[in-house]
Amino acid sequence: MAIIKKSELKQMKEPQLKEKLLDLKKEMMKFNSQRAVGTTPENPGRIKEIKRTIARILTKLNQKETMEVVKKNG
C-alpha cells in the first residue's frame, strides 16, 4: 500500500522525484495542521506511509548525488 513502489522509484528522474517530494511534504503539512488543531485525520495510517515515502525519495536523491560526486572525483 505504498504511495510509490520501489520499481517506480527507480525509474523516476530527479525532477520527478523532487516534484513528488514537494507534493508529499504539502500533504504531510496538511496532516500536521489537522493534528495541531485537534482534528483526527481521515486516514491516520497514511501519515506513516507518507513519512516512509519521503524518506525513500530523499535516500534516492542522496544516492544520486553521491554517485555524481564519486564520478567527478573518480
N, C-alpha and C. Protein backbone atom coordinates (compact mmCIF):
# COMPACT_ATOMS: atom_id res chain seq x y z
N MET A 1 0.82 -1.19 0.00
CA MET A 1 0.00 0.00 0.00
C MET A 1 0.87 1.26 0.00
N ALA A 2 2.06 1.13 -0.55
CA ALA A 2 2.99 2.26 -0.61
C ALA A 2 2.50 3.29 -1.63
N ILE A 3 2.86 4.51 -1.41
CA ILE A 3 2.47 5.57 -2.33
C ILE A 3 3.23 5.43 -3.65
N ILE A 4 4.52 5.11 -3.55
CA ILE A 4 5.34 4.86 -4.73
C ILE A 4 5.99 3.49 -4.56
N LYS A 5 5.86 2.65 -5.55
CA LYS A 5 6.51 1.34 -5.50
C LYS A 5 8.00 1.52 -5.77
N LYS A 6 8.78 0.57 -5.28
CA LYS A 6 10.24 0.65 -5.46
C LYS A 6 10.62 0.66 -6.94
N SER A 7 9.92 -0.12 -7.75
CA SER A 7 10.23 -0.15 -9.18
C SER A 7 9.94 1.20 -9.84
N GLU A 8 8.86 1.85 -9.41
CA GLU A 8 8.54 3.17 -9.94
C GLU A 8 9.59 4.19 -9.50
N LEU A 9 10.03 4.06 -8.27
CA LEU A 9 11.01 4.98 -7.72
C LEU A 9 12.32 4.91 -8.50
N LYS A 10 12.73 3.71 -8.89
CA LYS A 10 13.97 3.54 -9.64
C LYS A 10 13.89 4.19 -11.02
N GLN A 11 12.70 4.20 -11.60
CA GLN A 11 12.53 4.72 -12.95
C GLN A 11 12.38 6.23 -13.00
N MET A 12 12.07 6.85 -11.88
CA MET A 12 11.82 8.29 -11.86
C MET A 12 13.12 9.07 -11.97
N LYS A 13 13.07 10.16 -12.72
CA LYS A 13 14.20 11.06 -12.87
C LYS A 13 14.20 12.04 -11.70
N GLU A 14 15.32 12.76 -11.54
CA GLU A 14 15.47 13.68 -10.42
C GLU A 14 14.38 14.76 -10.35
N PRO A 15 14.01 15.40 -11.47
CA PRO A 15 12.94 16.42 -11.37
C PRO A 15 11.61 15.82 -10.91
N GLN A 16 11.31 14.61 -11.38
CA GLN A 16 10.08 13.94 -10.96
C GLN A 16 10.11 13.63 -9.47
N LEU A 17 11.27 13.18 -8.99
CA LEU A 17 11.41 12.86 -7.57
C LEU A 17 11.22 14.11 -6.71
N LYS A 18 11.81 15.21 -7.15
CA LYS A 18 11.68 16.46 -6.39
C LYS A 18 10.24 16.96 -6.38
N GLU A 19 9.55 16.80 -7.49
CA GLU A 19 8.14 17.21 -7.57
C GLU A 19 7.27 16.36 -6.64
N LYS A 20 7.50 15.05 -6.66
CA LYS A 20 6.74 14.15 -5.80
C LYS A 20 7.04 14.44 -4.32
N LEU A 21 8.30 14.74 -4.03
CA LEU A 21 8.70 15.07 -2.66
C LEU A 21 7.97 16.31 -2.17
N LEU A 22 7.88 17.31 -3.02
CA LEU A 22 7.17 18.53 -2.67
C LEU A 22 5.69 18.25 -2.40
N ASP A 23 5.07 17.44 -3.26
CA ASP A 23 3.66 17.09 -3.07
C ASP A 23 3.44 16.37 -1.74
N LEU A 24 4.34 15.43 -1.43
CA LEU A 24 4.20 14.66 -0.18
C LEU A 24 4.41 15.54 1.05
N LYS A 25 5.34 16.48 0.95
CA LYS A 25 5.58 17.38 2.08
C LYS A 25 4.36 18.28 2.31
N LYS A 26 3.71 18.72 1.23
CA LYS A 26 2.49 19.52 1.36
C LYS A 26 1.39 18.71 2.04
N GLU A 27 1.26 17.46 1.62
CA GLU A 27 0.24 16.59 2.23
C GLU A 27 0.56 16.34 3.71
N MET A 28 1.83 16.19 4.02
CA MET A 28 2.24 15.98 5.40
C MET A 28 1.94 17.21 6.25
N MET A 29 2.14 18.40 5.67
CA MET A 29 1.82 19.63 6.38
C MET A 29 0.33 19.69 6.69
N LYS A 30 -0.48 19.22 5.77
CA LYS A 30 -1.93 19.21 5.98
C LYS A 30 -2.29 18.32 7.17
N PHE A 31 -1.68 17.14 7.22
CA PHE A 31 -1.93 16.23 8.35
C PHE A 31 -1.44 16.82 9.66
N ASN A 32 -0.26 17.46 9.63
CA ASN A 32 0.29 18.07 10.84
C ASN A 32 -0.61 19.19 11.35
N SER A 33 -1.17 19.96 10.43
CA SER A 33 -2.06 21.04 10.87
C SER A 33 -3.34 20.48 11.45
N GLN A 34 -3.83 19.37 10.90
CA GLN A 34 -5.03 18.73 11.46
C GLN A 34 -4.76 18.24 12.88
N ARG A 35 -3.59 17.67 13.09
CA ARG A 35 -3.26 17.19 14.44
C ARG A 35 -3.10 18.35 15.42
N ALA A 36 -2.53 19.47 14.94
CA ALA A 36 -2.31 20.62 15.81
C ALA A 36 -3.64 21.23 16.26
N VAL A 37 -4.62 21.23 15.37
CA VAL A 37 -5.94 21.77 15.69
C VAL A 37 -6.70 20.82 16.59
N GLY A 38 -6.37 19.55 16.52
CA GLY A 38 -7.05 18.56 17.35
C GLY A 38 -8.01 17.69 16.57
N THR A 39 -8.06 17.88 15.26
CA THR A 39 -8.91 17.07 14.40
C THR A 39 -8.23 15.73 14.13
N THR A 40 -9.00 14.67 14.13
CA THR A 40 -8.46 13.35 13.80
C THR A 40 -8.42 13.22 12.28
N PRO A 41 -7.27 12.86 11.71
CA PRO A 41 -7.18 12.69 10.25
C PRO A 41 -8.08 11.55 9.78
N GLU A 42 -8.54 11.64 8.54
CA GLU A 42 -9.40 10.60 7.96
C GLU A 42 -8.69 9.25 7.97
N ASN A 43 -7.44 9.26 7.54
CA ASN A 43 -6.68 8.02 7.40
C ASN A 43 -5.34 8.18 8.12
N PRO A 44 -5.30 7.89 9.42
CA PRO A 44 -4.06 8.09 10.17
C PRO A 44 -2.90 7.19 9.69
N GLY A 45 -3.20 6.07 9.09
CA GLY A 45 -2.16 5.19 8.58
C GLY A 45 -1.40 5.79 7.42
N ARG A 46 -2.02 6.72 6.75
CA ARG A 46 -1.39 7.37 5.60
C ARG A 46 -0.20 8.23 6.04
N ILE A 47 -0.23 8.74 7.26
CA ILE A 47 0.87 9.55 7.77
C ILE A 47 2.17 8.75 7.75
N LYS A 48 2.10 7.53 8.22
CA LYS A 48 3.27 6.66 8.25
C LYS A 48 3.75 6.36 6.82
N GLU A 49 2.80 6.14 5.92
CA GLU A 49 3.12 5.88 4.53
C GLU A 49 3.86 7.07 3.91
N ILE A 50 3.34 8.27 4.18
CA ILE A 50 3.94 9.47 3.61
C ILE A 50 5.36 9.66 4.14
N LYS A 51 5.54 9.47 5.45
CA LYS A 51 6.88 9.61 6.04
C LYS A 51 7.87 8.64 5.41
N ARG A 52 7.45 7.41 5.23
CA ARG A 52 8.34 6.40 4.63
C ARG A 52 8.68 6.74 3.19
N THR A 53 7.68 7.20 2.44
CA THR A 53 7.91 7.53 1.04
C THR A 53 8.84 8.73 0.92
N ILE A 54 8.66 9.73 1.80
CA ILE A 54 9.56 10.88 1.81
C ILE A 54 10.99 10.42 2.08
N ALA A 55 11.15 9.52 3.03
CA ALA A 55 12.48 9.00 3.36
C ALA A 55 13.09 8.25 2.18
N ARG A 56 12.27 7.47 1.48
CA ARG A 56 12.78 6.74 0.32
C ARG A 56 13.24 7.69 -0.78
N ILE A 57 12.45 8.74 -1.02
CA ILE A 57 12.81 9.69 -2.06
C ILE A 57 14.10 10.43 -1.69
N LEU A 58 14.20 10.86 -0.44
CA LEU A 58 15.42 11.56 0.00
C LEU A 58 16.63 10.65 -0.11
N THR A 59 16.47 9.38 0.23
CA THR A 59 17.57 8.42 0.12
C THR A 59 18.00 8.28 -1.34
N LYS A 60 17.03 8.16 -2.22
CA LYS A 60 17.33 8.02 -3.64
C LYS A 60 18.05 9.25 -4.18
N LEU A 61 17.59 10.44 -3.79
CA LEU A 61 18.24 11.67 -4.24
C LEU A 61 19.67 11.77 -3.71
N ASN A 62 19.88 11.38 -2.45
CA ASN A 62 21.22 11.40 -1.87
C ASN A 62 22.14 10.40 -2.56
N GLN A 63 21.62 9.24 -2.92
CA GLN A 63 22.42 8.25 -3.63
C GLN A 63 22.87 8.78 -4.98
N LYS A 64 21.94 9.44 -5.68
CA LYS A 64 22.29 10.01 -6.99
C LYS A 64 23.36 11.08 -6.84
N GLU A 65 23.22 11.92 -5.82
CA GLU A 65 24.19 12.98 -5.58
C GLU A 65 25.56 12.39 -5.25
N THR A 66 25.58 11.35 -4.44
CA THR A 66 26.83 10.69 -4.06
C THR A 66 27.50 10.07 -5.29
N MET A 67 26.71 9.46 -6.15
CA MET A 67 27.27 8.85 -7.36
C MET A 67 27.88 9.90 -8.28
N GLU A 68 27.24 11.07 -8.35
CA GLU A 68 27.79 12.15 -9.18
C GLU A 68 29.13 12.63 -8.65
N VAL A 69 29.24 12.75 -7.33
CA VAL A 69 30.49 13.19 -6.70
C VAL A 69 31.59 12.16 -6.93
N VAL A 70 31.25 10.90 -6.79
CA VAL A 70 32.22 9.82 -6.98
C VAL A 70 32.71 9.82 -8.43
N LYS A 71 31.79 9.99 -9.38
CA LYS A 71 32.20 10.01 -10.78
C LYS A 71 33.08 11.22 -11.10
N LYS A 72 32.73 12.35 -10.48
CA LYS A 72 33.50 13.57 -10.72
C LYS A 72 34.92 13.44 -10.17
N ASN A 73 35.06 12.88 -8.97
CA ASN A 73 36.36 12.75 -8.32
C ASN A 73 37.10 11.50 -8.74
N GLY A 74 36.38 10.56 -9.35
CA GLY A 74 36.84 9.24 -9.71
C GLY A 74 38.18 9.13 -10.24
